[in-house]
Amino acid sequence: MIGPVPDVRGVARPGPIDGLGDLPSTWRRPIPGGRPSRDAGTYLCNFALRRALLTFPRAEVGFLHVVPFSRTGYEVQLAIVRALIEPR
């Protein structure tokens, strides 16, 4: 979804980003402490995911939201990111 959150110009546009539904995430690794989703968020997040999927069609591509450190501490988040990016 483009979503109800206004962009930098203050414009909110409901509806899908063209082709996003045809481009599922190709990320297959488990996400420590996380959960998979079919939606990267609102416009900017979904746009970034779609562009990455189009730019790197043979790579594992996903989208990770990082929460505030007050919710999940720095060390925990650092361990999660390291687990996700380490070579298999």
PDB file of N, CA and C in Angstrom:
ATOM      1  N   MET A   1       0.830  -1.196   0.000  1.00  0.00           N
ATOM      2  CA  MET A   1       0.000   0.000   0.000  1.00  0.00           C
ATOM      3  C   MET A   1       0.868   1.251   0.000  1.00  0.00           C
ATOM      4  N   ILE A   2       0.413   2.234  -0.687  1.00  0.00           N
ATOM      5  CA  ILE A   2       1.062   3.532  -0.573  1.00  0.00           C
ATOM      6  C   ILE A   2       0.751   4.070   0.814  1.00  0.00           C
ATOM      7  N   GLY A   3      -0.489   3.945   1.241  1.00  0.00           N
ATOM      8  CA  GLY A   3      -0.857   4.202   2.614  1.00  0.00           C
ATOM      9  C   GLY A   3      -1.377   5.582   2.924  1.00  0.00           C
ATOM     10  N   PRO A   4      -1.914   5.715   4.140  1.00  0.00           N
ATOM     11  CA  PRO A   4      -2.549   6.957   4.566  1.00  0.00           C
ATOM     12  C   PRO A   4      -1.567   7.991   5.117  1.00  0.00           C
ATOM     13  N   VAL A   5      -0.291   7.635   5.290  1.00  0.00           N
ATOM     14  CA  VAL A   5       0.688   8.571   5.842  1.00  0.00           C
ATOM     15  C   VAL A   5       1.156   9.514   4.736  1.00  0.00           C
ATOM     16  N   PRO A   6       1.083  10.827   4.952  1.00  0.00           N
ATOM     17  CA  PRO A   6       1.494  11.782   3.913  1.00  0.00           C
ATOM     18  C   PRO A   6       2.975  11.654   3.566  1.00  0.00           C
ATOM     19  N   ASP A   7       3.306  11.915   2.304  1.00  0.00           N
ATOM     20  CA  ASP A   7       4.706  11.917   1.871  1.00  0.00           C
ATOM     21  C   ASP A   7       5.333  13.270   2.221  1.00  0.00           C
ATOM     22  N   VAL A   8       6.553  13.516   1.740  1.00  0.00           N
ATOM     23  CA  VAL A   8       7.254  14.754   2.079  1.00  0.00           C
ATOM     24  C   VAL A   8       6.530  15.994   1.575  1.00  0.00           C
ATOM     25  N   ARG A   9       5.668  15.845   0.594  1.00  0.00           N
ATOM     26  CA  ARG A   9       4.884  16.986   0.092  1.00  0.00           C
ATOM     27  C   ARG A   9       3.568  17.155   0.841  1.00  0.00           C
ATOM     28  N   GLY A  10       3.302  16.248   1.803  1.00  0.00           N
ATOM     29  CA  GLY A  10       2.058  16.314   2.558  1.00  0.00           C
ATOM     30  C   GLY A  10       0.902  15.628   1.874  1.00  0.00           C
ATOM     31  N   VAL A  11       1.176  14.819   0.849  1.00  0.00           N
ATOM     32  CA  VAL A  11       0.134  14.150   0.082  1.00  0.00           C
ATOM     33  C   VAL A  11       0.022  12.689   0.528  1.00  0.00           C
ATOM     34  N   ALA A  12      -1.183  12.273   0.871  1.00  0.00           N
ATOM     35  CA  ALA A  12      -1.445  10.871   1.202  1.00  0.00           C
ATOM     36  C   ALA A  12      -2.159  10.240   0.013  1.00  0.00           C
ATOM     37  N   ARG A  13      -1.663   9.069  -0.419  1.00  0.00           N
ATOM     38  CA  ARG A  13      -2.246   8.407  -1.582  1.00  0.00           C
ATOM     39  C   ARG A  13      -2.605   6.974  -1.247  1.00  0.00           C
ATOM     40  N   PRO A  14      -3.885   6.650  -1.162  1.00  0.00           N
ATOM     41  CA  PRO A  14      -4.265   5.264  -0.917  1.00  0.00           C
ATOM     42  C   PRO A  14      -4.045   4.416  -2.164  1.00  0.00           C
ATOM     43  N   GLY A  15      -3.876   3.138  -1.981  1.00  0.00           N
ATOM     44  CA  GLY A  15      -3.744   2.233  -3.112  1.00  0.00           C
ATOM     45  C   GLY A  15      -2.395   1.557  -3.143  1.00  0.00           C
ATOM     46  N   PRO A  16      -2.252   0.554  -3.997  1.00  0.00           N
ATOM     47  CA  PRO A  16      -1.013  -0.213  -4.061  1.00  0.00           C
ATOM     48  C   PRO A  16       0.063   0.480  -4.894  1.00  0.00           C
ATOM     49  N   ILE A  17       1.310   0.106  -4.630  1.00  0.00           N
ATOM     50  CA  ILE A  17       2.410   0.494  -5.505  1.00  0.00           C
ATOM     51  C   ILE A  17       2.366  -0.488  -6.665  1.00  0.00           C
ATOM     52  N   ASP A  18       2.400  -0.012  -7.887  1.00  0.00           N
ATOM     53  CA  ASP A  18       2.282  -0.880  -9.054  1.00  0.00           C
ATOM     54  C   ASP A  18       3.237  -2.060  -8.983  1.00  0.00           C
ATOM     55  N   GLY A  19       2.685  -3.257  -9.122  1.00  0.00           N
ATOM     56  CA  GLY A  19       3.496  -4.462  -9.202  1.00  0.00           C
ATOM     57  C   GLY A  19       3.995  -5.010  -7.885  1.00  0.00           C
ATOM     58  N   LEU A  20       3.782  -4.332  -6.764  1.00  0.00           N
ATOM     59  CA  LEU A  20       4.325  -4.826  -5.501  1.00  0.00           C
ATOM     60  C   LEU A  20       3.770  -6.194  -5.155  1.00  0.00           C
ATOM     61  N   GLY A  21       2.497  -6.400  -5.422  1.00  0.00           N
ATOM     62  CA  GLY A  21       1.900  -7.696  -5.128  1.00  0.00           C
ATOM     63  C   GLY A  21       2.515  -8.822  -5.942  1.00  0.00           C
ATOM     64  N   ASP A  22       3.106  -8.496  -7.078  1.00  0.00           N
ATOM     65  CA  ASP A  22       3.735  -9.499  -7.931  1.00  0.00           C
ATOM     66  C   ASP A  22       5.176  -9.774  -7.538  1.00  0.00           C
ATOM     67  N   LEU A  23       5.696  -9.051  -6.549  1.00  0.00           N
ATOM     68  CA  LEU A  23       7.088  -9.189  -6.156  1.00  0.00           C
ATOM     69  C   LEU A  23       7.191  -9.532  -4.674  1.00  0.00           C
ATOM     70  N   PRO A  24       6.994 -10.794  -4.306  1.00  0.00           N
ATOM     71  CA  PRO A  24       7.107 -11.146  -2.888  1.00  0.00           C
ATOM     72  C   PRO A  24       8.565 -11.088  -2.442  1.00  0.00           C
ATOM     73  N   SER A  25       8.761 -10.859  -1.173  1.00  0.00           N
ATOM     74  CA  SER A  25      10.106 -10.863  -0.613  1.00  0.00           C
ATOM     75  C   SER A  25      10.777 -12.193  -0.924  1.00  0.00           C
ATOM     76  N   THR A  26      12.066 -12.153  -1.177  1.00  0.00           N
ATOM     77  CA  THR A  26      12.813 -13.375  -1.465  1.00  0.00           C
ATOM     78  C   THR A  26      13.671 -13.792  -0.269  1.00  0.00           C
ATOM     79  N   TRP A  27      13.502 -13.105   0.854  1.00  0.00           N
ATOM     80  CA  TRP A  27      14.248 -13.421   2.074  1.00  0.00           C
ATOM     81  C   TRP A  27      13.734 -14.735   2.637  1.00  0.00           C
ATOM     82  N   ARG A  28      14.625 -15.684   2.874  1.00  0.00           N
ATOM     83  CA  ARG A  28      14.207 -17.008   3.354  1.00  0.00           C
ATOM     84  C   ARG A  28      14.796 -17.385   4.706  1.00  0.00           C
ATOM     85  N   ARG A  29      15.661 -16.549   5.245  1.00  0.00           N
ATOM     86  CA  ARG A  29      16.272 -16.863   6.543  1.00  0.00           C
ATOM     87  C   ARG A  29      15.294 -16.571   7.670  1.00  0.00           C
ATOM     88  N   PRO A  30      15.380 -17.329   8.763  1.00  0.00           N
ATOM     89  CA  PRO A  30      14.553 -16.982   9.924  1.00  0.00           C
ATOM     90  C   PRO A  30      14.993 -15.636  10.501  1.00  0.00           C
ATOM     91  N   ILE A  31      14.071 -14.922  11.063  1.00  0.00           N
ATOM     92  CA  ILE A  31      14.348 -13.616  11.651  1.00  0.00           C
ATOM     93  C   ILE A  31      14.329 -13.782  13.163  1.00  0.00           C
ATOM     94  N   PRO A  32      15.503 -13.775  13.824  1.00  0.00           N
ATOM     95  CA  PRO A  32      15.544 -13.988  15.271  1.00  0.00           C
ATOM     96  C   PRO A  32      14.704 -12.952  16.006  1.00  0.00           C
ATOM     97  N   GLY A  33      13.737 -13.418  16.770  1.00  0.00           N
ATOM     98  CA  GLY A  33      12.897 -12.509  17.538  1.00  0.00           C
ATOM     99  C   GLY A  33      11.917 -11.715  16.703  1.00  0.00           C
ATOM    100  N   GLY A  34      11.813 -12.027  15.421  1.00  0.00           N
ATOM    101  CA  GLY A  34      10.927 -11.273  14.542  1.00  0.00           C
ATOM    102  C   GLY A  34       9.863 -12.159  13.951  1.00  0.00           C
ATOM    103  N   ARG A  35       9.099 -11.579  13.069  1.00  0.00           N
ATOM    104  CA  ARG A  35       8.058 -12.345  12.389  1.00  0.00           C
ATOM    105  C   ARG A  35       7.953 -11.871  10.949  1.00  0.00           C
ATOM    106  N   PRO A  36       7.720 -12.791  10.043  1.00  0.00           N
ATOM    107  CA  PRO A  36       7.563 -12.387   8.645  1.00  0.00           C
ATOM    108  C   PRO A  36       6.237 -11.667   8.424  1.00  0.00           C
ATOM    109  N   SER A  37       6.211 -10.850   7.398  1.00  0.00           N
ATOM    110  CA  SER A  37       5.009 -10.113   7.041  1.00  0.00           C
ATOM    111  C   SER A  37       4.969  -9.962   5.532  1.00  0.00           C
ATOM    112  N   ARG A  38       3.774  -9.810   4.979  1.00  0.00           N
ATOM    113  CA  ARG A  38       3.636  -9.599   3.544  1.00  0.00           C
ATOM    114  C   ARG A  38       3.649  -8.113   3.199  1.00  0.00           C
ATOM    115  N   ASP A  39       3.849  -7.259   4.209  1.00  0.00           N
ATOM    116  CA  ASP A  39       3.771  -5.817   4.014  1.00  0.00           C
ATOM    117  C   ASP A  39       4.963  -5.154   4.699  1.00  0.00           C
ATOM    118  N   ALA A  40       5.718  -4.353   3.969  1.00  0.00           N
ATOM    119  CA  ALA A  40       6.878  -3.672   4.559  1.00  0.00           C
ATOM    120  C   ALA A  40       6.475  -2.435   5.354  1.00  0.00           C
ATOM    121  N   GLY A  41       5.246  -2.006   5.258  1.00  0.00           N
ATOM    122  CA  GLY A  41       4.802  -0.822   5.995  1.00  0.00           C
ATOM    123  C   GLY A  41       4.017   0.104   5.096  1.00  0.00           C
ATOM    124  N   THR A  42       4.368   1.381   5.123  1.00  0.00           N
ATOM    125  CA  THR A  42       3.673   2.344   4.277  1.00  0.00           C
ATOM    126  C   THR A  42       4.540   2.679   3.070  1.00  0.00           C
ATOM    127  N   TYR A  43       4.244   3.767   2.416  1.00  0.00           N
ATOM    128  CA  TYR A  43       4.809   4.057   1.101  1.00  0.00           C
ATOM    129  C   TYR A  43       6.323   3.904   0.993  1.00  0.00           C
ATOM    130  N   LEU A  44       7.076   4.620   1.811  1.00  0.00           N
ATOM    131  CA  LEU A  44       8.527   4.615   1.643  1.00  0.00           C
ATOM    132  C   LEU A  44       9.109   3.218   1.843  1.00  0.00           C
ATOM    133  N   CYS A  45       8.644   2.503   2.848  1.00  0.00           N
ATOM    134  CA  CYS A  45       9.156   1.157   3.118  1.00  0.00           C
ATOM    135  C   CYS A  45       8.810   0.198   1.979  1.00  0.00           C
ATOM    136  N   ASN A  46       7.574   0.221   1.529  1.00  0.00           N
ATOM    137  CA  ASN A  46       7.169  -0.647   0.420  1.00  0.00           C
ATOM    138  C   ASN A  46       7.890  -0.275  -0.875  1.00  0.00           C
ATOM    139  N   PHE A  47       8.096   1.009  -1.107  1.00  0.00           N
ATOM    140  CA  PHE A  47       8.809   1.435  -2.299  1.00  0.00           C
ATOM    141  C   PHE A  47      10.257   0.941  -2.253  1.00  0.00           C
ATOM    142  N   ALA A  48      10.912   1.075  -1.098  1.00  0.00           N
ATOM    143  CA  ALA A  48      12.298   0.618  -0.959  1.00  0.00           C
ATOM    144  C   ALA A  48      12.395  -0.889  -1.185  1.00  0.00           C
ATOM    145  N   LEU A  49      11.452  -1.648  -0.642  1.00  0.00           N
ATOM    146  CA  LEU A  49      11.447  -3.096  -0.851  1.00  0.00           C
ATOM    147  C   LEU A  49      11.260  -3.425  -2.330  1.00  0.00           C
ATOM    148  N   ARG A  50      10.317  -2.773  -2.967  1.00  0.00           N
ATOM    149  CA  ARG A  50      10.065  -3.048  -4.390  1.00  0.00           C
ATOM    150  C   ARG A  50      11.277  -2.725  -5.245  1.00  0.00           C
ATOM    151  N   ARG A  51      11.906  -1.576  -4.999  1.00  0.00           N
ATOM    152  CA  ARG A  51      13.099  -1.202  -5.770  1.00  0.00           C
ATOM    153  C   ARG A  51      14.225  -2.207  -5.565  1.00  0.00           C
ATOM    154  N   ALA A  52      14.421  -2.664  -4.338  1.00  0.00           N
ATOM    155  CA  ALA A  52      15.470  -3.654  -4.062  1.00  0.00           C
ATOM    156  C   ALA A  52      15.178  -4.965  -4.777  1.00  0.00           C
ATOM    157  N   LEU A  53      13.927  -5.395  -4.775  1.00  0.00           N
ATOM    158  CA  LEU A  53      13.556  -6.633  -5.457  1.00  0.00           C
ATOM    159  C   LEU A  53      13.789  -6.524  -6.963  1.00  0.00           C
ATOM    160  N   LEU A  54      13.483  -5.368  -7.540  1.00  0.00           N
ATOM    161  CA  LEU A  54      13.699  -5.168  -8.973  1.00  0.00           C
ATOM    162  C   LEU A  54      15.183  -5.029  -9.320  1.00  0.00           C
ATOM    163  N   THR A  55      15.931  -4.401  -8.436  1.00  0.00           N
ATOM    164  CA  THR A  55      17.351  -4.154  -8.692  1.00  0.00           C
ATOM    165  C   THR A  55      18.199  -5.409  -8.510  1.00  0.00           C
ATOM    166  N   PHE A  56      17.830  -6.260  -7.557  1.00  0.00           N
ATOM    167  CA  PHE A  56      18.602  -7.464  -7.243  1.00  0.00           C
ATOM    168  C   PHE A  56      17.738  -8.716  -7.381  1.00  0.00           C
ATOM    169  N   PRO A  57      17.334  -9.063  -8.601  1.00  0.00           N
ATOM    170  CA  PRO A  57      16.377 -10.157  -8.782  1.00  0.00           C
ATOM    171  C   PRO A  57      16.894 -11.536  -8.369  1.00  0.00           C
ATOM    172  N   ARG A  58      18.197 -11.716  -8.280  1.00  0.00           N
ATOM    173  CA  ARG A  58      18.745 -13.026  -7.912  1.00  0.00           C
ATOM    174  C   ARG A  58      19.209 -13.097  -6.462  1.00  0.00           C
ATOM    175  N   ALA A  59      19.006 -12.031  -5.711  1.00  0.00           N
ATOM    176  CA  ALA A  59      19.469 -11.968  -4.324  1.00  0.00           C
ATOM    177  C   ALA A  59      18.317 -12.221  -3.353  1.00  0.00           C
ATOM    178  N   GLU A  60      18.680 -12.593  -2.133  1.00  0.00           N
ATOM    179  CA  GLU A  60      17.692 -12.655  -1.058  1.00  0.00           C
ATOM    180  C   GLU A  60      17.405 -11.220  -0.639  1.00  0.00           C
ATOM    181  N   VAL A  61      16.166 -10.798  -0.774  1.00  0.00           N
ATOM    182  CA  VAL A  61      15.802  -9.417  -0.455  1.00  0.00           C
ATOM    183  C   VAL A  61      14.639  -9.432   0.531  1.00  0.00           C
ATOM    184  N   GLY A  62      14.775  -8.638   1.568  1.00  0.00           N
ATOM    185  CA  GLY A  62      13.715  -8.472   2.552  1.00  0.00           C
ATOM    186  C   GLY A  62      13.761  -7.058   3.097  1.00  0.00           C
ATOM    187  N   PHE A  63      12.916  -6.778   4.052  1.00  0.00           N
ATOM    188  CA  PHE A  63      12.870  -5.453   4.661  1.00  0.00           C
ATOM    189  C   PHE A  63      12.775  -5.634   6.158  1.00  0.00           C
ATOM    190  N   LEU A  64      13.599  -4.920   6.895  1.00  0.00           N
ATOM    191  CA  LEU A  64      13.649  -5.036   8.352  1.00  0.00           C
ATOM    192  C   LEU A  64      13.345  -3.688   8.977  1.00  0.00           C
ATOM    193  N   HIS A  65      12.317  -3.647   9.811  1.00  0.00           N
ATOM    194  CA  HIS A  65      12.033  -2.442  10.591  1.00  0.00           C
ATOM    195  C   HIS A  65      12.815  -2.538  11.890  1.00  0.00           C
ATOM    196  N   VAL A  66      13.514  -1.490  12.232  1.00  0.00           N
ATOM    197  CA  VAL A  66      14.261  -1.434  13.484  1.00  0.00           C
ATOM    198  C   VAL A  66      13.426  -0.624  14.473  1.00  0.00           C
ATOM    199  N   VAL A  67      13.156  -1.222  15.612  1.00  0.00           N
ATOM    200  CA  VAL A  67      12.316  -0.558  16.616  1.00  0.00           C
ATOM    201  C   VAL A  67      13.178   0.329  17.515  1.00  0.00           C
ATOM    202  N   PRO A  68      12.564   1.243  18.254  1.00  0.00           N
ATOM    203  CA  PRO A  68      13.337   2.095  19.169  1.00  0.00           C
ATOM    204  C   PRO A  68      14.085   1.250  20.209  1.00  0.00           C
ATOM    205  N   PHE A  69      15.268   1.715  20.600  1.00  0.00           N
ATOM    206  CA  PHE A  69      16.064   0.979  21.583  1.00  0.00           C
ATOM    207  C   PHE A  69      15.342   0.865  22.924  1.00  0.00           C
ATOM    208  N   SER A  70      14.414   1.763  23.202  1.00  0.00           N
ATOM    209  CA  SER A  70      13.647   1.676  24.451  1.00  0.00           C
ATOM    210  C   SER A  70      12.732   0.448  24.444  1.00  0.00           C
ATOM    211  N   ARG A  71      12.400  -0.040  23.265  1.00  0.00           N
ATOM    212  CA  ARG A  71      11.537  -1.226  23.148  1.00  0.00           C
ATOM    213  C   ARG A  71      12.357  -2.516  23.095  1.00  0.00           C
ATOM    214  N   THR A  72      13.403  -2.512  22.276  1.00  0.00           N
ATOM    215  CA  THR A  72      14.325  -3.642  22.174  1.00  0.00           C
ATOM    216  C   THR A  72      15.719  -3.051  22.167  1.00  0.00           C
ATOM    217  N   GLY A  73      16.508  -3.392  23.166  1.00  0.00           N
ATOM    218  CA  GLY A  73      17.806  -2.772  23.375  1.00  0.00           C
ATOM    219  C   GLY A  73      18.783  -2.899  22.211  1.00  0.00           C
ATOM    220  N   TYR A  74      19.791  -2.054  22.240  1.00  0.00           N
ATOM    221  CA  TYR A  74      20.808  -1.990  21.204  1.00  0.00           C
ATOM    222  C   TYR A  74      21.496  -3.331  21.010  1.00  0.00           C
ATOM    223  N   GLU A  75      21.943  -3.949  22.089  1.00  0.00           N
ATOM    224  CA  GLU A  75      22.688  -5.209  21.985  1.00  0.00           C
ATOM    225  C   GLU A  75      21.836  -6.307  21.353  1.00  0.00           C
ATOM    226  N   VAL A  76      20.565  -6.361  21.709  1.00  0.00           N
ATOM    227  CA  VAL A  76      19.662  -7.368  21.136  1.00  0.00           C
ATOM    228  C   VAL A  76      19.492  -7.108  19.642  1.00  0.00           C
ATOM    229  N   GLN A  77      19.267  -5.853  19.269  1.00  0.00           N
ATOM    230  CA  GLN A  77      19.094  -5.523  17.851  1.00  0.00           C
ATOM    231  C   GLN A  77      20.370  -5.777  17.055  1.00  0.00           C
ATOM    232  N   LEU A  78      21.516  -5.468  17.641  1.00  0.00           N
ATOM    233  CA  LEU A  78      22.786  -5.723  16.976  1.00  0.00           C
ATOM    234  C   LEU A  78      22.971  -7.222  16.724  1.00  0.00           C
ATOM    235  N   ALA A  79      22.622  -8.042  17.695  1.00  0.00           N
ATOM    236  CA  ALA A  79      22.728  -9.502  17.529  1.00  0.00           C
ATOM    237  C   ALA A  79      21.798  -9.993  16.426  1.00  0.00           C
ATOM    238  N   ILE A  80      20.607  -9.437  16.343  1.00  0.00           N
ATOM    239  CA  ILE A  80      19.653  -9.825  15.308  1.00  0.00           C
ATOM    240  C   ILE A  80      20.194  -9.468  13.923  1.00  0.00           C
ATOM    241  N   VAL A  81      20.672  -8.243  13.764  1.00  0.00           N
ATOM    242  CA  VAL A  81      21.206  -7.817  12.468  1.00  0.00           C
ATOM    243  C   VAL A  81      22.403  -8.664  12.077  1.00  0.00           C
ATOM    244  N   ARG A  82      23.295  -8.933  13.031  1.00  0.00           N
ATOM    245  CA  ARG A  82      24.454  -9.777  12.718  1.00  0.00           C
ATOM    246  C   ARG A  82      24.016 -11.157  12.251  1.00  0.00           C
ATOM    247  N   ALA A  83      23.024 -11.732  12.925  1.00  0.00           N
ATOM    248  CA  ALA A  83      22.531 -13.066  12.535  1.00  0.00           C
ATOM    249  C   ALA A  83      21.942 -13.044  11.137  1.00  0.00           C
ATOM    250  N   LEU A  84      21.331 -11.943  10.770  1.00  0.00           N
ATOM    251  CA  LEU A  84      20.707 -11.845   9.446  1.00  0.00           C
ATOM    252  C   LEU A  84      21.705 -11.659   8.319  1.00  0.00           C
ATOM    253  N   ILE A  85      22.812 -10.979   8.579  1.00  0.00           N
ATOM    254  CA  ILE A  85      23.732 -10.674   7.493  1.00  0.00           C
ATOM    255  C   ILE A  85      24.946 -11.585   7.416  1.00  0.00           C
ATOM    256  N   GLU A  86      25.153 -12.426   8.427  1.00  0.00           N
ATOM    257  CA  GLU A  86      26.295 -13.355   8.371  1.00  0.00           C
ATOM    258  C   GLU A  86      26.124 -14.310   7.207  1.00  0.00           C
ATOM    259  N   PRO A  87      27.236 -14.612   6.534  1.00  0.00           N
ATOM    260  CA  PRO A  87      27.151 -15.592   5.433  1.00  0.00           C
ATOM    261  C   PRO A  87      26.677 -16.936   5.965  1.00  0.00           C
ATOM    262  N   ARG A  88      25.987 -17.653   5.134  1.00  0.00           N
ATOM    263  CA  ARG A  88      25.497 -18.982   5.537  1.00  0.00           C
ATOM    264  C   ARG A  88      26.589 -19.997   5.442  1.00  0.00           C
TER     265      ARG A  88
END
